[in-house]
C-alpha atoms as a PDB file:
ATOM      1  CA  HIS A   1     217.746 199.957 -96.145  1.00  0.00           C
ATOM      2  CA  PRO A   2     221.521 200.250 -95.682  1.00  0.00           C
ATOM      3  CA  GLU A   3     223.893 197.428 -94.902  1.00  0.00           C
ATOM      4  CA  LEU A   4     225.319 197.550 -91.403  1.00  0.00           C
ATOM      5  CA  PRO A   5     228.806 196.744 -90.168  1.00  0.00           C
ATOM      6  CA  GLY A   6     229.165 194.137 -87.458  1.00  0.00           C
ATOM      7  CA  ASP A   7     226.186 192.357 -85.892  1.00  0.00           C
ATOM      8  CA  ARG A   8     223.150 192.605 -88.176  1.00  0.00           C
ATOM      9  CA  GLU A   9     220.841 191.086 -85.584  1.00  0.00           C
ATOM     10  CA  THR A  10     221.109 193.893 -83.019  1.00  0.00           C
ATOM     11  CA  PHE A  11     218.382 196.524 -82.674  1.00  0.00           C
ATOM     12  CA  THR A  12     219.787 199.967 -81.851  1.00  0.00           C
ATOM     13  CA  TRP A  13     217.799 202.843 -80.334  1.00  0.00           C
ATOM     14  CA  GLN A  14     219.412 206.132 -79.323  1.00  0.00           C
ATOM     15  CA  ILE A  15     217.965 209.248 -77.719  1.00  0.00           C
ATOM     16  CA  LEU A  16     218.868 212.463 -79.568  1.00  0.00           C
ATOM     17  CA  GLN A  17     218.433 214.954 -76.741  1.00  0.00           C
ATOM     18  CA  GLU A  18     219.498 218.083 -78.635  1.00  0.00           C
ATOM     19  CA  ARG A  19     216.887 217.339 -81.312  1.00  0.00           C
ATOM     20  CA  GLU A  20     214.200 216.177 -78.861  1.00  0.00           C
ATOM     21  CA  GLY A  21     213.945 212.831 -80.600  1.00  0.00           C
ATOM     22  CA  TYR A  22     215.601 209.485 -81.232  1.00  0.00           C
ATOM     23  CA  GLY A  23     217.181 207.360 -83.923  1.00  0.00           C
ATOM     24  CA  TRP A  24     216.779 203.652 -84.643  1.00  0.00           C
ATOM     25  CA  ILE A  25     218.480 200.833 -86.534  1.00  0.00           C
ATOM     26  CA  PHE A  26     216.213 197.836 -87.079  1.00  0.00           C
ATOM     27  CA  PRO A  27     217.662 194.738 -88.841  1.00  0.00           C
ATOM     28  CA  LYS A  28     215.181 193.128 -91.255  1.00  0.00           C
ATOM     29  CA  GLY A  29     217.179 190.139 -92.548  1.00  0.00           C
ATOM     30  CA  ASN A  30     218.578 189.519 -96.049  1.00  0.00           C
ATOM     31  CA  GLN A  31     221.304 192.045 -95.247  1.00  0.00           C
ATOM     32  CA  GLU A  32     218.754 194.851 -95.072  1.00  0.00           C
ATOM     33  CA  THR A  33     218.019 197.273 -92.255  1.00  0.00           C
ATOM     34  CA  ASN A  34     215.477 199.974 -91.518  1.00  0.00           C
ATOM     35  CA  LEU A  35     217.212 203.072 -90.187  1.00  0.00           C
ATOM     36  CA  GLY A  36     215.547 206.343 -89.284  1.00  0.00           C
ATOM     37  CA  VAL A  37     215.210 209.355 -87.020  1.00  0.00           C
ATOM     38  CA  PHE A  38     212.348 211.024 -85.164  1.00  0.00           C
ATOM     39  CA  THR A  39     212.329 214.583 -83.862  1.00  0.00           C
ATOM     40  CA  LEU A  40     209.960 216.951 -82.112  1.00  0.00           C
ATOM     41  CA  ALA A  41     212.118 219.989 -82.795  1.00  0.00           C
ATOM     42  CA  PRO A  42     212.292 221.819 -86.141  1.00  0.00           C
ATOM     43  CA  ALA A  43     215.170 220.156 -87.991  1.00  0.00           C
ATOM     44  CA  PRO A  44     216.284 219.258 -91.542  1.00  0.00           C
ATOM     45  CA  LEU A  45     215.476 215.559 -91.562  1.00  0.00           C
ATOM     46  CA  ARG A  46     217.909 214.519 -94.279  1.00  0.00           C
ATOM     47  CA  GLU A  47     220.796 216.212 -92.486  1.00  0.00           C
ATOM     48  CA  LEU A  48     219.807 214.618 -89.182  1.00  0.00           C
ATOM     49  CA  LEU A  49     219.564 211.208 -90.856  1.00  0.00           C
ATOM     50  CA  VAL A  50     223.012 211.604 -92.458  1.00  0.00           C
ATOM     51  CA  GLN A  51     224.510 212.527 -89.082  1.00  0.00           C
ATOM     52  CA  PHE A  52     222.929 209.505 -87.420  1.00  0.00           C
ATOM     53  CA  LYS A  53     224.260 207.175 -90.153  1.00  0.00           C
ATOM     54  CA  ARG A  54     227.739 208.659 -89.872  1.00  0.00           C
ATOM     55  CA  GLN A  55     227.723 208.272 -86.104  1.00  0.00           C
ATOM     56  CA  HIS A  56     226.965 204.563 -86.460  1.00  0.00           C
ATOM     57  CA  ALA A  57     229.401 203.983 -89.328  1.00  0.00           C
ATOM     58  CA  VAL A  58     226.675 203.213 -91.873  1.00  0.00           C
ATOM     59  CA  THR A  59     228.047 203.959 -95.344  1.00  0.00           C
ATOM     60  CA  SER A  60     225.730 202.048 -97.695  1.00  0.00           C
ATOM     61  CA  PRO A  61     223.264 204.192 -99.690  1.00  0.00           C
ATOM     62  CA  ALA A  62     219.581 203.824 -98.926  1.00  0.00           C
ATOM     63  CA  ARG A  63     217.494 201.844-101.417  1.00  0.00           C
ATOM     64  CA  THR A  64     214.380 203.763-100.421  1.00  0.00           C
ATOM     65  CA  GLN A  65     214.023 206.902 -98.332  1.00  0.00           C
ATOM     66  CA  PHE A  66     210.976 208.752 -97.092  1.00  0.00           C
ATOM     67  CA  GLY A  67     209.899 211.073 -94.319  1.00  0.00           C
ATOM     68  CA  GLY A  68     207.127 213.371 -93.216  1.00  0.00           C
ATOM     69  CA  ARG A  69     204.926 214.682 -90.452  1.00  0.00           C
ATOM     70  CA  PHE A  70     202.531 212.684 -88.324  1.00  0.00           C
ATOM     71  CA  PRO A  71     199.826 213.658 -85.813  1.00  0.00           C
ATOM     72  CA  ARG A  72     200.683 213.550 -82.140  1.00  0.00           C
ATOM     73  CA  GLN A  73     197.632 215.034 -80.456  1.00  0.00           C
ATOM     74  CA  GLY A  74     195.799 211.747 -80.079  1.00  0.00           C
ATOM     75  CA  PRO A  75     192.819 210.342 -82.002  1.00  0.00           C
ATOM     76  CA  ILE A  76     190.323 212.707 -83.609  1.00  0.00           C
ATOM     77  CA  ARG A  77     187.021 213.221 -81.798  1.00  0.00           C
ATOM     78  CA  ARG A  78     184.946 211.057 -84.162  1.00  0.00           C
ATOM     79  CA  THR A  79     186.290 208.331 -86.419  1.00  0.00           C
ATOM     80  CA  ALA A  80     182.996 207.360 -88.040  1.00  0.00           C
ATOM     81  CA  ALA A  81     180.130 209.149 -89.767  1.00  0.00           C
ATOM     82  CA  ASP A  82     177.451 208.276 -92.311  1.00  0.00           C
ATOM     83  CA  ALA A  83     179.102 206.007 -94.908  1.00  0.00           C
ATOM     84  CA  LEU A  84     182.552 206.862 -93.560  1.00  0.00           C
ATOM     85  CA  VAL A  85     185.145 205.339 -91.252  1.00  0.00           C
ATOM     86  CA  CYS A  86     188.585 206.786 -90.501  1.00  0.00           C
ATOM     87  CA  CYS A  87     191.645 204.848 -89.346  1.00  0.00           C
ATOM     88  CA  GLY A  88     195.441 204.982 -88.971  1.00  0.00           C
ATOM     89  CA  ASP A  89     197.342 208.261 -89.165  1.00  0.00           C
ATOM     90  CA  ALA A  90     194.315 209.977 -90.719  1.00  0.00           C
ATOM     91  CA  ALA A  91     192.430 209.316 -87.480  1.00  0.00           C
ATOM     92  CA  GLY A  92     195.359 210.412 -85.291  1.00  0.00           C
ATOM     93  CA  MET A  93     196.095 206.843 -84.205  1.00  0.00           C
ATOM     94  CA  VAL A  94     199.773 207.300 -83.375  1.00  0.00           C
ATOM     95  CA  PHE A  95     201.551 206.668 -80.075  1.00  0.00           C
ATOM     96  CA  ALA A  96     202.685 210.266 -79.652  1.00  0.00           C
ATOM     97  CA  ALA A  97     205.755 209.632 -77.483  1.00  0.00           C
ATOM     98  CA  THR A  98     207.458 207.344 -80.018  1.00  0.00           C
ATOM     99  CA  GLY A  99     205.742 207.967 -83.358  1.00  0.00           C
ATOM    100  CA  GLU A 100     204.632 204.343 -83.651  1.00  0.00           C
ATOM    101  CA  GLY A 101     201.638 204.024 -85.944  1.00  0.00           C
ATOM    102  CA  ILE A 102     201.897 200.877 -88.069  1.00  0.00           C
ATOM    103  CA  ARG A 103     200.361 198.563 -85.478  1.00  0.00           C
ATOM    104  CA  TYR A 104     197.394 200.882 -84.925  1.00  0.00           C
ATOM    105  CA  ALA A 105     196.924 201.419 -88.654  1.00  0.00           C
ATOM    106  CA  LEU A 106     196.774 197.677 -89.350  1.00  0.00           C
ATOM    107  CA  ALA A 107     194.420 196.946 -86.448  1.00  0.00           C
ATOM    108  CA  SER A 108     192.083 199.889 -87.027  1.00  0.00           C
ATOM    109  CA  GLY A 109     192.081 199.258 -90.789  1.00  0.00           C
ATOM    110  CA  GLN A 110     190.886 195.713 -90.257  1.00  0.00           C
ATOM    111  CA  MET A 111     188.220 196.872 -87.799  1.00  0.00           C
ATOM    112  CA  ALA A 112     187.087 199.603 -90.188  1.00  0.00           C
ATOM    113  CA  GLY A 113     186.886 197.140 -93.068  1.00  0.00           C
ATOM    114  CA  ASP A 114     184.879 194.673 -90.998  1.00  0.00           C
ATOM    115  CA  ALA A 115     182.463 197.374 -89.864  1.00  0.00           C
ATOM    116  CA  MET A 116     181.917 198.766 -93.350  1.00  0.00           C
ATOM    117  CA  ALA A 117     181.542 195.309 -94.922  1.00  0.00           C
ATOM    118  CA  THR A 118     178.875 194.398 -92.367  1.00  0.00           C
ATOM    119  CA  ALA A 119     177.079 197.724 -92.905  1.00  0.00           C
ATOM    120  CA  LEU A 120     177.072 197.295 -96.687  1.00  0.00           C
ATOM    121  CA  HIS A 121     175.797 193.739 -96.372  1.00  0.00           C
ATOM    122  CA  GLN A 122     172.939 194.983 -94.207  1.00  0.00           C
ATOM    123  CA  GLY A 123     172.265 197.915 -96.522  1.00  0.00           C
ATOM    124  CA  LYS A 124     172.679 200.491 -93.730  1.00  0.00           C
ATOM    125  CA  THR A 125     175.804 202.651 -93.644  1.00  0.00           C
ATOM    126  CA  ASP A 126     174.660 205.399 -91.283  1.00  0.00           C
ATOM    127  CA  TYR A 127     176.651 206.440 -88.221  1.00  0.00           C
ATOM    128  CA  ALA A 128     174.404 204.483 -85.889  1.00  0.00           C
ATOM    129  CA  ARG A 129     175.492 201.318 -87.721  1.00  0.00           C
ATOM    130  CA  LEU A 130     179.185 202.216 -88.003  1.00  0.00           C
ATOM    131  CA  ARG A 131     179.754 203.534 -84.494  1.00  0.00           C
ATOM    132  CA  SER A 132     180.529 199.958 -83.392  1.00  0.00           C
ATOM    133  CA  TYR A 133     183.900 200.496 -85.095  1.00  0.00           C
ATOM    134  CA  GLU A 134     184.660 203.340 -82.688  1.00  0.00           C
ATOM    135  CA  HIS A 135     183.772 201.170 -79.707  1.00  0.00           C
ATOM    136  CA  ARG A 136     186.090 198.385 -80.927  1.00  0.00           C
ATOM    137  CA  TRP A 137     189.242 200.444 -81.405  1.00  0.00           C
ATOM    138  CA  GLN A 138     188.604 202.482 -78.247  1.00  0.00           C
ATOM    139  CA  GLN A 139     188.317 199.294 -76.229  1.00  0.00           C
ATOM    140  CA  ARG A 140     191.450 197.784 -77.790  1.00  0.00           C
ATOM    141  CA  PHE A 141     193.931 200.683 -77.686  1.00  0.00           C
ATOM    142  CA  GLY A 142     192.113 203.949 -76.929  1.00  0.00           C
ATOM    143  CA  ARG A 143     193.670 204.368 -73.477  1.00  0.00           C
ATOM    144  CA  GLU A 144     197.071 203.422 -74.880  1.00  0.00           C
ATOM    145  CA  LEU A 145     196.914 206.259 -77.411  1.00  0.00           C
ATOM    146  CA  ARG A 146     195.829 208.760 -74.775  1.00  0.00           C
ATOM    147  CA  VAL A 147     198.716 207.675 -72.529  1.00  0.00           C
ATOM    148  CA  GLY A 148     201.076 208.263 -75.462  1.00  0.00           C
ATOM    149  CA  VAL A 149     199.992 211.894 -75.581  1.00  0.00           C
ATOM    150  CA  GLN A 150     200.520 212.198 -71.829  1.00  0.00           C
ATOM    151  CA  ALA A 151     203.968 210.568 -72.074  1.00  0.00           C
ATOM    152  CA  LEU A 152     205.010 213.000 -74.784  1.00  0.00           C
ATOM    153  CA  ASP A 153     203.741 215.895 -72.689  1.00  0.00           C
ATOM    154  CA  VAL A 154     205.927 214.725 -69.785  1.00  0.00           C
ATOM    155  CA  LEU A 155     209.010 214.426 -72.002  1.00  0.00           C
ATOM    156  CA  ARG A 156     208.586 217.885 -73.519  1.00  0.00           C
ATOM    157  CA  ARG A 157     207.957 219.600 -70.204  1.00  0.00           C
ATOM    158  CA  LEU A 158     210.961 217.919 -68.582  1.00  0.00           C
ATOM    159  CA  ARG A 159     213.085 218.897 -71.580  1.00  0.00           C
ATOM    160  CA  ARG A 160     211.971 222.545 -71.533  1.00  0.00           C
ATOM    161  CA  SER A 161     212.510 222.826 -67.779  1.00  0.00           C
ATOM    162  CA  GLY A 162     215.986 221.274 -67.954  1.00  0.00           C
ATOM    163  CA  HIS A 163     215.057 218.212 -65.897  1.00  0.00           C
ATOM    164  CA  LEU A 164     214.976 215.553 -68.641  1.00  0.00           C
ATOM    165  CA  GLU A 165     218.632 214.536 -68.368  1.00  0.00           C
ATOM    166  CA  LEU A 166     218.308 214.271 -64.583  1.00  0.00           C
ATOM    167  CA  ALA A 167     215.180 212.116 -64.907  1.00  0.00           C
ATOM    168  CA  LEU A 168     216.833 209.806 -67.462  1.00  0.00           C
ATOM    169  CA  ARG A 169     219.920 209.433 -65.290  1.00  0.00           C
ATOM    170  CA  HIS A 170     217.843 208.232 -62.326  1.00  0.00           C
ATOM    171  CA  CYS A 171     215.702 205.737 -64.283  1.00  0.00           C
ATOM    172  CA  SER A 172     216.692 202.257 -65.396  1.00  0.00           C
ATOM    173  CA  ASP A 173     216.565 201.294 -69.075  1.00  0.00           C
ATOM    174  CA  GLN A 174     213.626 199.027 -68.276  1.00  0.00           C
ATOM    175  CA  THR A 175     211.691 201.860 -66.626  1.00  0.00           C
ATOM    176  CA  ILE A 176     212.340 204.203 -69.560  1.00  0.00           C
ATOM    177  CA  ALA A 177     211.261 201.530 -72.049  1.00  0.00           C
ATOM    178  CA  GLU A 178     208.039 200.824 -70.149  1.00  0.00           C
ATOM    179  CA  PHE A 179     207.305 204.552 -69.938  1.00  0.00           C
ATOM    180  CA  MET A 180     207.942 205.114 -73.656  1.00  0.00           C
ATOM    181  CA  LEU A 181     205.722 202.151 -74.572  1.00  0.00           C
ATOM    182  CA  GLY A 182     202.870 203.320 -72.367  1.00  0.00           C
ATOM    183  CA  HIS A 183     202.996 200.357 -69.995  1.00  0.00           C
ATOM    184  CA  ARG A 184     203.140 202.541 -66.886  1.00  0.00           C
ATOM    185  CA  TRP A 185     200.006 204.425 -67.762  1.00  0.00           C
ATOM    186  CA  LEU A 186     198.944 205.489 -64.275  1.00  0.00           C
ATOM    187  CA  ALA A 187     202.389 206.855 -63.402  1.00  0.00           C
ATOM    188  CA  THR A 188     202.454 208.645 -66.766  1.00  0.00           C
ATOM    189  CA  VAL A 189     199.117 210.358 -66.143  1.00  0.00           C
ATOM    190  CA  LEU A 190     200.238 211.498 -62.690  1.00  0.00           C
ATOM    191  CA  LEU A 191     203.562 212.756 -64.037  1.00  0.00           C
ATOM    192  CA  ALA A 192     201.783 214.649 -66.806  1.00  0.00           C
ATOM    193  CA  ARG A 193     199.652 216.495 -64.272  1.00  0.00           C
ATOM    194  CA  LEU A 194     202.673 217.267 -62.128  1.00  0.00           C
ATOM    195  CA  THR A 195     204.908 218.523 -64.951  1.00  0.00           C
ATOM    196  CA  ARG A 196     202.222 220.873 -66.286  1.00  0.00           C
ATOM    197  CA  LEU A 197     203.306 223.130 -63.439  1.00  0.00           C
ATOM    198  CA  LEU A 198     206.604 223.560 -65.316  1.00  0.00           C
ATOM    199  CA  GLY A 199     204.893 225.045 -68.400  1.00  0.00           C
ATOM    200  CA  CYS A 200     205.392 224.186 -72.080  1.00  0.00           C
ATOM    201  CA  LYS A 201     203.435 224.983 -75.221  1.00  0.00           C
ATOM    202  CA  PRO A 202     202.711 221.862 -77.333  1.00  0.00           C
ATOM    203  CA  THR A 203     203.094 221.762 -81.120  1.00  0.00           C
ATOM    204  CA  PRO A 204     200.644 219.836 -83.339  1.00  0.00           C
ATOM    205  CA  THR A 205     203.042 217.695 -85.370  1.00  0.00           C
ATOM    206  CA  ALA A 206     206.395 215.971 -85.278  1.00  0.00           C
ATOM    207  CA  LEU A 207     208.713 214.596 -87.939  1.00  0.00           C
ATOM    208  CA  ARG A 208     210.024 211.159 -88.813  1.00  0.00           C
ATOM    209  CA  CYS A 209     212.305 209.993 -91.582  1.00  0.00           C
ATOM    210  CA  SER A 210     213.664 206.574 -92.524  1.00  0.00           C
END
């Protein structure tokens, strides 16, 4: 959580094209900031993070630092079984195009807790009783997570074919933001089908560090 020069209230987000990722600076108040990087390409995270800090003139040492891999292939096929519910990153609940997972982890964790508490109260923890949890999260953000996988597929295929820079240059910031957040889901699905003609082998994980 380094201190930032200048305006501490400004959120910064920067595409790192050579690393197939992005960096962020997110002010949290009390003179603290969350700063991190995300990459799809094999890269030494600490080195990438140091470069991003240097580029934005951040010199304060981090109070805490962590990083790791996260799933980006979408939710697992089943998130409930007899006496078991699965949520968050463990269930693959990550928006693949951006690496966002906190919101899904909190929401699915609450749903999972509610479902298990009800099952325990009723004395029946079989899958038939717990499958309601799957219906709840699927209804709330299932399509959103699937669109995230499609959006990531589009980005990788455009990058591998050399068309990503051209696409970014012809899109407004608002359009890019809506695409990256999954708001233009129909256009994303159509683009994913179209860009598959360009060819690109997906990889199962990506990296994030903050």
